[in-house]
Each structure stands twice: as C-alpha cells, then as structure tokens.
Amino acid sequence: MEGISTLAEIRDLTKLSNTTIFRLVQNGQFPKFLRPLAARSYWRATEVEEWLRVHTNGGGDANDR
C-alpha cells in the first residue's frame, strides 16, 4: 500500500466499522486522517500499515484486538 487510503480501503484492511475507526482516531489509538476535501477522509498508507503491524499479526482482522 502506498500513498493515501480512503475510508473504504481502511475498512477493508482492518475489518473495522466506520464508527470504530473514527472512535479509535478520536482516542488517539489509530492514525489521524487527512481531510483535503471536506466531504472525504484519507489516511497516510504508511501510518495505517504501521498500525496494522502493531495491532494485528502483520495485518488482517483487527476485530480480534
């Protein structure tokens, strides 16, 4: 994964719901999103990859955490 990721891509990668993703962001437990356009949220792919590495066994389903 390179560049930026959309919310849909983050959901697919983490298997987390929108609500859970934004709650984790708000609590400082998930990378903050970028908002270059008011209607969309984006994440730095490298930050999400690091989060997945730390919170899963190299990626996959983060719901088990």
Protein backbone atom coordinates (compact mmCIF):
# COMPACT_ATOMS: atom_id res chain seq x y z
CA MET A 1 0.00 0.00 0.00
CA GLU A 2 1.38 3.41 -0.96
CA GLY A 3 0.15 6.98 -0.84
CA ILE A 4 -3.17 7.66 0.81
CA SER A 5 -6.07 5.36 1.67
CA THR A 6 -9.79 6.04 1.68
CA LEU A 7 -12.18 5.09 4.47
CA ALA A 8 -13.46 2.20 2.34
CA GLU A 9 -9.91 0.88 1.94
CA ILE A 10 -9.27 1.24 5.68
CA ARG A 11 -12.49 -0.69 6.44
CA ASP A 12 -11.40 -3.47 4.06
CA LEU A 13 -7.92 -3.65 5.58
CA THR A 14 -8.93 -3.55 9.24
CA LYS A 15 -12.41 -5.12 9.10
CA LEU A 16 -13.48 -2.32 11.47
CA SER A 17 -16.67 -0.27 11.12
CA ASN A 18 -16.64 3.46 10.32
CA THR A 19 -17.75 4.20 13.88
CA THR A 20 -14.93 2.14 15.38
CA ILE A 21 -12.31 3.70 13.11
CA PHE A 22 -13.35 7.26 13.99
CA ARG A 23 -13.62 6.39 17.71
CA LEU A 24 -10.08 4.99 17.65
CA VAL A 25 -8.86 8.14 15.86
CA GLN A 26 -10.59 10.33 18.45
CA ASN A 27 -8.99 8.34 21.29
CA GLY A 28 -5.54 8.56 19.70
CA GLN A 29 -5.47 4.80 19.05
CA PHE A 30 -5.46 4.96 15.23
CA PRO A 31 -3.64 7.29 12.81
CA LYS A 32 -5.32 10.65 12.25
CA PHE A 33 -6.98 11.16 8.91
CA LEU A 34 -6.27 13.86 6.35
CA ARG A 35 -9.10 15.97 5.03
CA PRO A 36 -8.05 17.75 1.84
CA LEU A 37 -11.70 17.82 0.75
CA ALA A 38 -14.50 18.50 3.22
CA ALA A 39 -16.55 15.50 2.10
CA ARG A 40 -13.84 12.81 2.32
CA SER A 41 -11.31 11.47 4.79
CA TYR A 42 -7.96 9.96 3.83
CA TRP A 43 -5.16 8.25 5.76
CA ARG A 44 -1.43 8.02 5.11
CA ALA A 45 -0.95 4.45 4.00
CA THR A 46 2.34 4.07 5.87
CA GLU A 47 0.68 5.06 9.17
CA VAL A 48 -2.11 2.54 8.64
CA GLU A 49 0.40 -0.18 7.74
CA GLU A 50 2.26 0.53 10.98
CA TRP A 51 -0.99 0.44 12.97
CA LEU A 52 -1.87 -2.92 11.40
CA ARG A 53 1.60 -4.27 12.18
CA VAL A 54 1.31 -3.27 15.83
CA HIS A 55 -2.34 -4.25 16.39
CA THR A 56 -2.51 -7.48 14.40
CA ASN A 57 -0.19 -10.29 13.49
CA GLY A 58 1.08 -8.49 10.39
CA GLY A 59 -2.35 -7.41 9.14
CA GLY A 60 -5.71 -8.99 8.72
CA ASP A 61 -8.67 -8.83 11.05
CA ALA A 62 -8.19 -6.19 13.75
CA ASN A 63 -11.54 -7.05 15.41
CA ASP A 64 -9.74 -9.68 17.46
CA ARG A 65 -7.77 -6.99 19.29
